[in-house]
Protein backbone atom coordinates (compact mmCIF):
# COMPACT_ATOMS: atom_id res chain seq x y z
CA MET A 1 0.00 0.00 0.00
CA THR A 2 1.16 3.55 -0.76
CA ILE A 3 0.30 6.70 1.17
CA ARG A 4 -1.96 7.86 -1.69
CA GLU A 5 -4.33 5.02 -0.81
CA LEU A 6 -4.69 6.08 2.83
CA ASN A 7 -7.55 8.06 4.38
CA PRO A 8 -8.21 10.93 4.45
CA LYS A 9 -7.37 10.44 0.79
CA ARG A 10 -7.08 14.10 -0.23
CA VAL A 11 -4.77 14.93 2.70
CA PHE A 12 -2.45 12.01 1.99
CA GLU A 13 -2.40 12.73 -1.75
CA ILE A 14 -1.25 16.29 -1.09
CA PHE A 15 1.23 15.12 1.56
CA ASP A 16 2.67 12.67 -0.96
CA GLU A 17 3.19 15.54 -3.41
CA ILE A 18 4.87 17.60 -0.69
CA THR A 19 7.34 14.80 0.12
CA LYS A 20 8.57 15.00 -3.46
CA VAL A 21 9.44 18.71 -3.12
CA PRO A 22 12.85 19.48 -1.51
CA ARG A 23 12.37 21.97 1.35
CA PRO A 24 15.33 22.36 3.71
CA SER A 25 15.20 25.33 6.04
CA LYS A 26 16.22 28.57 4.33
CA LYS A 27 15.85 26.85 0.93
CA GLU A 28 12.08 26.82 0.53
CA GLU A 29 11.95 28.15 -3.04
CA LYS A 30 10.57 24.90 -4.48
CA ILE A 31 7.90 24.31 -1.85
CA ARG A 32 6.88 27.96 -2.02
CA GLN A 33 6.37 27.64 -5.77
CA PHE A 34 4.46 24.40 -5.24
CA ILE A 35 2.03 26.20 -2.91
CA LEU A 36 1.63 29.16 -5.28
CA ASP A 37 1.00 26.80 -8.21
CA PHE A 38 -1.51 24.88 -6.09
CA ALA A 39 -3.41 28.09 -5.37
CA LYS A 40 -3.45 29.12 -9.03
CA LYS A 41 -4.58 25.69 -10.17
CA ASN A 42 -7.49 25.78 -7.74
CA GLY A 43 -8.56 29.37 -8.41
CA LEU A 44 -7.43 30.70 -5.04
CA THR A 45 -5.82 34.05 -4.30
CA ALA A 46 -2.23 33.91 -3.00
CA LYS A 47 0.36 36.47 -1.96
CA THR A 48 3.91 36.44 -0.62
CA ASP A 49 5.87 38.89 1.51
CA ALA A 50 9.46 40.05 1.23
CA ILE A 51 10.85 37.25 3.42
CA GLY A 52 9.06 34.46 1.50
CA ASN A 53 5.96 33.61 3.54
CA VAL A 54 2.82 32.68 1.59
CA VAL A 55 -0.85 33.39 2.38
CA ILE A 56 -3.75 31.84 0.46
CA THR A 57 -7.21 33.27 1.06
CA LYS A 58 -10.61 31.70 0.46
CA PRO A 59 -13.96 33.48 0.83
CA ALA A 60 -16.56 32.16 3.23
CA THR A 61 -19.24 29.69 2.27
CA PRO A 62 -22.25 31.82 1.20
CA GLY A 63 -24.22 32.86 4.27
CA HIS A 64 -21.19 32.72 6.59
CA GLU A 65 -19.39 35.90 5.50
CA ASN A 66 -19.76 37.49 8.95
CA ALA A 67 -18.04 34.65 10.80
CA PRO A 68 -14.58 35.32 12.28
CA THR A 69 -11.70 34.91 9.82
CA VAL A 70 -9.67 31.81 10.69
CA ILE A 71 -5.95 31.57 9.96
CA LEU A 72 -4.68 28.04 9.21
CA GLN A 73 -0.95 28.07 9.94
CA GLY A 74 1.95 25.74 9.25
CA HIS A 75 5.57 26.00 8.14
CA MET A 76 7.06 25.03 4.79
CA ASP A 77 10.50 23.79 5.83
CA MET A 78 11.55 20.46 7.32
CA VAL A 79 14.43 19.15 9.43
CA CYS A 80 16.88 17.27 7.20
CA GLU A 81 18.45 14.29 8.96
CA SER A 82 19.51 11.06 7.26
CA ASN A 83 21.22 7.78 8.08
CA ASP A 84 22.95 8.14 4.69
CA LYS A 85 25.36 11.08 4.83
CA SER A 86 25.27 11.35 1.03
CA PHE A 87 21.51 11.93 0.86
CA ASP A 88 20.88 15.25 -0.91
CA PHE A 89 17.88 16.98 0.69
CA GLU A 90 18.16 19.89 -1.75
CA HIS A 91 17.41 17.69 -4.75
CA ASN A 92 16.15 14.26 -3.68
CA PRO A 93 12.52 13.44 -2.82
CA ILE A 94 11.61 11.70 0.43
CA THR A 95 10.75 8.03 -0.02
CA THR A 96 7.75 7.10 2.12
CA ILE A 97 6.86 3.68 3.50
CA VAL A 98 3.53 2.52 4.96
CA ASP A 99 4.50 0.38 7.93
CA GLY A 100 1.37 -1.00 9.61
CA GLU A 101 -0.45 1.93 11.19
CA TRP A 102 2.48 4.28 10.60
CA VAL A 103 4.02 6.20 7.72
CA ARG A 104 7.79 6.65 7.85
CA ALA A 105 10.58 7.52 5.45
CA ASP A 106 13.34 5.33 4.09
CA GLY A 107 16.28 6.33 6.29
CA THR A 108 15.52 10.06 6.48
CA THR A 109 13.27 12.43 8.34
CA LEU A 110 9.73 12.13 6.99
CA GLY A 111 8.93 15.85 6.99
CA ALA A 112 5.49 15.33 8.52
CA ASP A 113 6.75 18.14 10.75
CA ASN A 114 5.19 20.21 9.28
CA GLY A 115 4.24 18.78 5.90
CA ILE A 116 1.07 17.22 7.28
CA GLY A 117 -0.08 20.61 8.58
CA VAL A 118 0.53 22.16 5.16
CA ALA A 119 -1.29 19.26 3.46
CA ALA A 120 -4.29 19.58 5.78
CA SER A 121 -4.54 23.32 5.10
CA LEU A 122 -4.43 22.80 1.34
CA ALA A 123 -6.99 20.01 1.58
CA VAL A 124 -9.37 22.29 3.52
CA LEU A 125 -8.96 25.04 0.94
CA THR A 126 -10.06 22.69 -1.85
CA ASP A 127 -12.83 20.82 -0.04
CA PRO A 128 -16.06 21.66 -1.93
CA ASP A 129 -18.36 20.32 0.79
CA LEU A 130 -16.89 22.08 3.83
CA VAL A 131 -18.92 24.88 5.38
CA HIS A 132 -16.61 27.59 6.70
CA GLY A 133 -16.13 31.28 7.30
CA PRO A 134 -13.40 33.40 5.68
CA LEU A 135 -10.08 31.52 5.61
CA GLU A 136 -6.45 32.60 5.45
CA ALA A 137 -3.82 29.86 5.13
CA LEU A 138 -0.40 31.09 6.27
CA PHE A 139 2.69 29.10 5.32
CA THR A 140 5.86 30.38 7.00
CA MET A 141 9.47 29.78 6.03
CA ASP A 142 12.49 28.74 8.08
CA GLU A 143 10.63 27.76 11.23
CA GLU A 144 13.09 25.03 12.14
CA THR A 145 16.32 27.02 12.23
CA GLY A 146 15.24 30.48 13.32
CA MET A 147 11.49 31.15 12.90
CA THR A 148 12.61 33.69 10.32
CA GLY A 149 9.25 33.76 8.57
CA ALA A 150 7.25 34.41 11.73
CA PHE A 151 9.75 37.04 12.91
CA ASN A 152 9.48 38.92 9.61
CA LEU A 153 5.84 38.37 8.64
CA GLY A 154 4.90 41.16 6.26
CA GLU A 155 2.44 43.87 7.19
CA GLY A 156 -1.07 43.13 6.00
CA MET A 157 -0.41 39.45 5.29
CA ILE A 158 -3.06 38.24 7.75
CA SER A 159 -6.20 39.80 9.17
CA GLY A 160 -7.92 36.96 11.04
CA SER A 161 -8.79 36.87 14.73
CA ILE A 162 -8.45 33.10 15.23
CA LEU A 163 -5.29 31.13 14.48
CA LEU A 164 -5.10 27.34 14.25
CA ASN A 165 -1.48 26.25 14.43
CA LEU A 166 -1.25 22.80 12.81
CA ASP A 167 2.24 21.99 14.06
CA SER A 168 1.70 19.81 17.13
CA GLU A 169 2.40 16.10 17.43
CA ASP A 170 -0.08 14.39 19.76
CA ASP A 171 -3.58 13.20 18.97
CA ALA A 172 -6.28 14.07 21.54
CA GLU A 173 -4.24 16.96 22.91
CA LEU A 174 -4.68 20.69 22.48
CA PHE A 175 -1.75 22.99 23.07
CA ILE A 176 -2.31 26.50 24.36
CA GLY A 177 1.26 27.37 25.33
CA CYS A 178 4.87 26.70 24.38
CA ALA A 179 8.41 27.38 25.51
CA GLY A 180 10.53 30.25 24.27
CA GLY A 181 14.02 29.57 23.01
CA ILE A 182 17.45 31.10 22.55
CA ASP A 183 20.79 29.99 21.08
CA THR A 184 24.19 30.35 22.71
CA VAL A 185 27.14 29.90 20.34
CA ALA A 186 30.78 29.54 21.42
CA THR A 187 33.62 30.02 18.96
CA PHE A 188 37.12 28.73 19.67
CA HIS A 189 40.04 30.12 17.67
CA TYR A 190 42.85 27.61 17.40
CA LYS A 191 46.37 27.49 16.04
CA ARG A 192 47.53 24.73 13.76
CA SER A 193 50.44 22.70 15.05
CA PHE A 194 52.36 19.95 13.34
CA ALA A 195 50.89 16.55 14.15
CA PRO A 196 53.45 14.41 16.03
CA LYS A 197 54.95 11.82 13.70
CA ASP A 198 55.50 9.25 16.45
CA PHE A 199 51.77 9.12 17.21
CA SER A 200 49.18 6.67 15.93
CA TYR A 201 45.95 8.26 14.69
CA PHE A 202 42.38 7.07 14.97
CA LYS A 203 38.88 8.14 14.07
CA ILE A 204 36.50 7.67 16.98
CA ASP A 205 32.96 7.50 15.65
CA ILE A 206 29.70 7.65 17.60
CA ALA A 207 26.73 6.94 15.33
CA LYS A 208 23.12 5.77 15.05
CA GLY A 209 21.83 7.34 18.24
CA GLN A 210 18.10 7.87 18.59
CA GLY A 211 18.39 11.66 18.57
CA GLY A 212 15.04 13.42 18.38
CA HIS A 213 13.43 16.79 18.96
CA SER A 214 15.42 18.88 21.42
CA GLY A 215 12.16 20.12 22.96
CA GLY A 216 9.65 17.31 22.71
CA ASP A 217 12.14 14.49 23.38
CA ILE A 218 14.61 16.15 25.76
CA HIS A 219 13.05 14.49 28.83
CA LEU A 220 13.53 10.96 27.46
CA GLY A 221 17.18 10.75 28.51
CA ARG A 222 18.55 9.80 25.12
CA ALA A 223 22.28 9.97 24.46
CA ASN A 224 23.86 13.15 23.15
CA ALA A 225 26.67 12.05 20.84
CA ASN A 226 28.63 15.26 21.44
CA LYS A 227 28.58 14.70 25.18
CA LEU A 228 29.62 11.05 24.84
CA LEU A 229 32.53 11.99 22.58
CA ALA A 230 33.75 14.70 24.96
CA ARG A 231 33.41 12.30 27.87
CA PHE A 232 35.67 9.69 26.28
CA LEU A 233 38.18 12.27 25.08
CA PHE A 234 38.35 13.78 28.56
CA GLN A 235 39.03 10.33 30.05
CA ILE A 236 41.96 9.58 27.79
CA THR A 237 43.46 13.07 28.20
CA GLN A 238 43.75 12.27 31.91
CA ARG A 239 46.22 9.46 31.13
CA HIS A 240 47.72 10.28 27.74
CA GLU A 241 48.97 13.14 25.62
CA VAL A 242 46.36 13.51 22.89
CA ALA A 243 46.56 15.36 19.57
CA VAL A 244 43.12 16.37 18.30
CA VAL A 245 43.03 16.70 14.53
CA GLU A 246 39.33 16.99 13.80
CA ILE A 247 36.06 17.05 15.70
CA ASP A 248 32.49 17.19 14.45
CA GLY A 249 29.09 16.35 15.91
CA GLY A 250 25.40 17.06 15.53
CA ASN A 251 23.81 19.26 12.90
CA LEU A 252 20.78 21.24 13.99
CA ARG A 253 20.15 23.45 17.02
CA ASN A 254 16.76 21.80 17.59
CA ALA A 255 17.82 18.17 17.26
CA ILE A 256 19.52 15.98 19.88
CA PRO A 257 22.84 14.95 18.26
CA ARG A 258 22.74 11.37 16.99
CA ALA A 259 26.32 11.22 15.72
CA ALA A 260 29.75 12.71 16.38
CA HIS A 261 33.35 11.88 15.56
CA ALA A 262 36.89 12.96 16.29
CA VAL A 263 40.25 12.21 14.73
CA ILE A 264 42.91 11.98 17.43
CA GLY A 265 46.44 10.79 17.89
CA VAL A 266 48.25 9.19 20.84
CA ASP A 267 51.79 7.97 21.39
CA THR A 268 52.15 4.79 19.33
CA LYS A 269 53.38 2.92 22.40
CA ARG A 270 50.04 3.74 24.12
CA LYS A 271 47.58 3.00 21.31
CA GLU A 272 46.53 -0.38 22.71
CA GLU A 273 45.78 1.24 26.06
CA VAL A 274 43.42 3.64 24.28
CA ARG A 275 41.71 0.77 22.45
CA ALA A 276 41.24 -1.01 25.76
CA ALA A 277 39.87 2.17 27.33
CA LEU A 278 37.36 2.49 24.49
CA ASN A 279 36.14 -1.06 25.06
CA VAL A 280 35.53 -0.29 28.72
CA PHE A 281 33.77 2.96 27.73
CA ILE A 282 31.50 1.14 25.25
CA ALA A 283 30.48 -1.34 27.95
CA GLU A 284 29.69 1.51 30.35
CA ILE A 285 27.55 3.34 27.77
CA GLU A 286 25.68 0.19 26.78
CA ASN A 287 24.82 -0.37 30.44
CA GLU A 288 23.83 3.25 31.09
CA PHE A 289 21.62 3.54 28.01
CA ALA A 290 20.18 0.02 27.96
CA GLY A 291 16.70 0.19 26.46
CA LEU A 292 17.17 3.81 25.36
CA GLU A 293 19.77 3.48 22.62
CA PRO A 294 19.40 0.06 20.96
CA THR A 295 21.21 1.05 17.74
CA LEU A 296 24.00 3.25 19.12
CA GLU A 297 27.44 2.37 17.77
CA ILE A 298 30.86 3.48 19.04
CA THR A 299 33.84 2.50 16.91
CA MET A 300 37.51 3.35 16.43
CA GLU A 301 39.61 2.80 13.32
CA GLY A 302 43.11 3.77 12.30
CA VAL A 303 43.72 6.64 9.88
CA ASP A 304 46.76 8.04 8.09
CA THR A 305 49.06 10.42 9.92
CA PRO A 306 47.84 13.98 9.23
CA GLU A 307 50.06 16.99 8.69
CA TYR A 308 48.44 19.27 11.26
CA ALA A 309 46.52 19.12 14.54
CA ILE A 310 44.69 21.61 16.75
CA ASP A 311 47.00 23.24 19.30
CA SER A 312 46.92 21.37 22.60
CA GLU A 313 45.66 24.26 24.75
CA THR A 314 42.58 24.86 22.58
CA SER A 315 41.79 21.17 22.18
CA LEU A 316 41.93 20.60 25.94
CA ASN A 317 39.78 23.67 26.61
CA LEU A 318 37.26 22.48 24.04
CA ILE A 319 37.07 18.95 25.43
CA ARG A 320 36.75 20.11 29.02
CA SER A 321 34.09 22.73 28.32
CA VAL A 322 31.93 20.46 26.15
CA TYR A 323 32.23 17.74 28.78
CA CYS A 324 31.16 20.20 31.50
CA ALA A 325 28.42 21.95 29.53
CA PRO A 326 24.94 20.91 30.64
CA HIS A 327 22.56 19.04 28.39
CA GLY A 328 19.00 17.95 29.10
CA VAL A 329 16.23 18.95 31.46
CA MET A 330 17.09 21.80 33.82
CA SER A 331 13.73 22.18 35.60
CA MET A 332 10.15 20.89 35.50
CA SER A 333 6.97 22.94 35.34
CA ARG A 334 5.24 23.64 38.62
CA SER A 335 1.90 24.43 36.96
CA LEU A 336 1.52 21.57 34.46
CA GLU A 337 2.49 18.14 35.79
CA GLY A 338 4.98 16.25 33.66
CA LEU A 339 5.88 19.24 31.47
CA VAL A 340 9.51 20.31 31.15
CA GLU A 341 9.94 23.95 32.08
CA SER A 342 13.57 24.54 31.08
CA SER A 343 16.19 22.61 29.13
CA THR A 344 19.36 22.99 27.12
CA ASN A 345 20.66 21.10 24.09
CA LEU A 346 24.37 20.85 23.26
CA ALA A 347 23.49 20.76 19.60
CA SER A 348 26.56 20.79 17.39
CA ILE A 349 30.34 21.07 17.13
CA LYS A 350 31.65 22.23 13.76
CA MET A 351 34.96 23.24 12.17
CA PRO A 352 33.87 25.67 9.42
CA GLY A 353 37.39 26.75 8.45
CA ASP A 354 39.47 29.81 9.30
CA ASN A 355 40.91 27.93 12.31
CA LYS A 356 37.57 28.04 14.13
CA ILE A 357 35.59 25.51 16.13
CA VAL A 358 31.95 26.47 16.70
CA VAL A 359 29.85 24.93 19.46
CA THR A 360 26.11 25.64 19.19
CA THR A 361 23.75 25.16 22.12
CA SER A 362 20.04 25.89 22.40
CA GLN A 363 18.05 26.76 25.53
CA ARG A 364 14.27 26.54 26.04
CA SER A 365 12.04 27.65 28.89
CA ASP A 366 8.48 28.72 29.66
CA VAL A 367 10.06 31.43 31.84
CA ASP A 368 12.00 34.05 29.91
CA SER A 369 14.32 34.94 32.81
CA ARG A 370 15.15 31.26 33.34
CA LYS A 371 15.93 30.80 29.65
CA ARG A 372 18.38 33.70 29.73
CA ASP A 373 19.90 32.56 33.02
CA ILE A 374 20.78 29.16 31.56
CA ALA A 375 22.18 30.83 28.44
CA ASN A 376 24.36 33.07 30.60
CA GLN A 377 25.65 30.10 32.62
CA ILE A 378 26.72 28.42 29.38
CA LYS A 379 28.26 31.67 28.18
CA ALA A 380 30.30 31.94 31.39
CA LEU A 381 31.48 28.34 31.06
CA PHE A 382 32.74 28.70 27.50
CA GLU A 383 34.29 32.10 28.18
CA LEU A 384 36.30 30.50 31.00
CA ALA A 385 37.52 28.05 28.37
CA GLY A 386 38.73 30.90 26.18
CA ALA A 387 35.93 30.96 23.60
CA GLU A 388 34.07 33.94 22.18
CA VAL A 389 30.39 33.54 23.03
CA ALA A 390 27.31 35.11 21.47
CA ILE A 391 23.74 34.79 22.75
CA GLY A 392 21.04 35.24 20.11
CA ASP A 393 17.86 37.29 20.36
CA GLY A 394 15.73 34.18 20.80
CA TYR A 395 11.98 33.90 20.41
CA PRO A 396 9.20 34.32 22.97
CA GLY A 397 7.12 31.67 24.62
CA TRP A 398 3.34 31.50 24.42
CA GLN A 399 1.57 31.93 27.73
CA PRO A 400 -1.61 29.82 28.10
CA ASN A 401 -5.02 31.53 28.01
CA MET A 402 -7.42 29.28 29.89
CA ASN A 403 -10.35 31.51 28.78
CA SER A 404 -9.66 30.98 25.07
CA ARG A 405 -12.84 30.62 23.00
CA ILE A 406 -11.13 28.68 20.22
CA MET A 407 -9.67 26.28 22.79
CA LYS A 408 -13.21 25.42 23.94
CA ILE A 409 -14.46 25.09 20.35
CA ALA A 410 -11.56 22.78 19.46
CA SER A 411 -12.10 20.70 22.60
CA ASP A 412 -15.84 20.39 21.94
CA ALA A 413 -15.19 19.43 18.32
CA TYR A 414 -12.96 16.51 19.31
CA GLU A 415 -15.33 15.34 22.03
CA GLU A 416 -18.32 15.47 19.68
CA LEU A 417 -16.48 13.38 17.11
CA TYR A 418 -14.78 10.80 19.33
CA GLY A 419 -16.43 10.93 22.76
CA ILE A 420 -13.16 11.90 24.45
CA LYS A 421 -12.32 15.26 25.96
CA PRO A 422 -8.83 16.16 24.70
CA LYS A 423 -6.06 17.05 27.10
CA ILE A 424 -5.38 20.78 27.42
CA THR A 425 -1.67 21.37 27.85
CA ALA A 426 1.45 23.21 26.73
CA ILE A 427 4.51 21.96 24.88
CA HIS A 428 8.22 22.23 25.64
CA ALA A 429 9.04 23.14 22.08
CA GLY A 430 9.03 26.30 20.05
CA LEU A 431 5.86 27.18 18.18
CA GLU A 432 5.45 30.30 16.11
CA CYS A 433 2.40 31.26 18.16
CA GLY A 434 4.43 33.31 20.65
CA LEU A 435 5.75 35.50 17.84
CA PHE A 436 2.31 35.91 16.28
CA LEU A 437 0.88 36.96 19.64
CA THR A 438 3.61 39.58 20.01
CA LYS A 439 2.65 41.09 16.65
CA PHE A 440 -1.11 40.49 16.92
CA PRO A 441 -2.15 40.56 20.60
CA HIS A 442 -5.82 40.07 19.67
CA LEU A 443 -5.27 36.57 18.26
CA ASP A 444 -7.08 33.65 19.87
CA MET A 445 -4.93 30.57 19.18
CA VAL A 446 -4.74 26.82 19.65
CA SER A 447 -2.28 24.25 18.30
CA PHE A 448 -3.05 20.61 17.44
CA GLY A 449 -1.99 17.86 15.07
CA PRO A 450 -1.78 14.10 14.54
CA THR A 451 0.54 11.81 16.48
CA LEU A 452 4.15 12.02 15.28
CA ARG A 453 7.09 10.24 16.86
CA GLY A 454 10.86 10.57 16.38
CA VAL A 455 10.61 14.01 14.78
CA HIS A 456 13.89 15.69 13.81
CA SER A 457 15.45 12.24 13.30
CA PRO A 458 15.35 9.47 10.67
CA SER A 459 13.04 7.60 13.08
CA GLU A 460 10.25 10.13 12.41
CA LYS A 461 6.90 8.46 11.80
CA MET A 462 3.24 9.50 11.62
CA HIS A 463 0.25 7.57 12.97
CA ILE A 464 -2.22 7.01 10.13
CA PRO A 465 -5.48 6.77 12.16
CA ALA A 466 -4.51 9.97 14.02
CA VAL A 467 -4.26 11.88 10.72
CA GLU A 468 -7.91 11.15 9.96
CA ARG A 469 -8.98 12.25 13.45
CA PHE A 470 -6.88 15.40 13.12
CA TYR A 471 -8.43 16.32 9.79
CA GLU A 472 -11.99 15.63 10.90
CA GLN A 473 -11.40 17.75 14.01
CA LEU A 474 -10.05 20.58 11.86
CA LYS A 475 -13.11 20.52 9.63
CA ARG A 476 -15.48 20.38 12.60
CA ILE A 477 -13.76 23.39 14.20
CA LEU A 478 -14.12 25.41 11.00
CA THR A 479 -17.79 24.51 10.67
CA LYS A 480 -18.48 25.49 14.29
CA VAL A 481 -16.67 28.83 13.87
CA ALA A 482 -18.64 29.46 10.67
CA ASP A 483 -21.83 29.66 12.77
CA ILE A 484 -20.44 32.50 14.91
CA LYS A 485 -21.75 35.92 13.91
CA GLU A 486 -19.53 38.93 14.66
């Protein structure tokens, strides 16, 4: 069976088309054109702003022109993570697989975050039988790496008073709040030194971790490949002189790092001691992460002697600071049981050239002062290690409104359809709602979506029955709002 045979048929047909359109963050030209072509083909009015966001409008069903205008909102870009390092997300389509009750991709992220929200919006806009008020479908760009589209939404792009954010990942749950976020980036400047010729050199590789969303999955205790690599390197620097040639780990600020590697050298007479130490380390990690990381691999293989290495002072400062830097949950919410309040993700370590090593971390919190406090702690740590540190502007959280009218409508719609009152909660992840509320304080908002698991990793999958419930709930909400006279 293919996804085009699944129900709701129109939603899955559009989602299938979206998976064939490359759409990495900051490179949304092709998906933007797809949406504009879709609007033209279906006789809908579309516009774009200077940054690249798209809005499609559709008039109300006759007799419902005075209902509140509803904004359907999702983002065009997707997180690009693959088990195959050669996979080209800028040109290759995503290959989808129907696996029982789930849809997944073949070794890559699926892009249901937020392709399914985009597909549902487009399906609504072309549903001839749906009764609705005035609709505006907003598709933002670069949500995953900076919320650039939401930050720079053009004046006059939207006019609605109700916003349905279709970017959540749990069936039977309604989200009315989210964490704010900020990035803290440390840059080490190193000197090149000649690599010792009497050393043996190895590539230490940590791969196939579970990874996941640095907000939604941060509480699960999964391994951070950057932290594991720094931990092992710190251990061997306590007993051996180590030359660090190369280090790299993680990719995206909002994904828990699944893989990392380093090329190092040790005195040839000590190389077997390092191999033995790695075997002990592997056994320790397997024990610590039993049941959490079933596919994690840690390997070491010999490589040719390089010409240069990173100077010893910088490499030691880097290893020590990454090893010390916090990662994971920092505090739990006191108002919503089981919800993470604050966290930090040690996201990536990169060597972009110009004798630089860049360490990117990302902090989230429902409490703005707490978010900045954690960022400042990390800044202080890396500055002590000799790095230059910059803290970004960040994005705001979304404070829950328990008197929200659209929250009640959405809750009633789900209960009417399925006999279950959905859970009202908040999410420890960044949604664009906080930015929209800053620009448009009058907006009444709720976020919902079908069940997704493993987002921001090649394990991403989408629950097929939940997609149908999500779409029927969306249609029911729009029909109920259409009966409101303002």
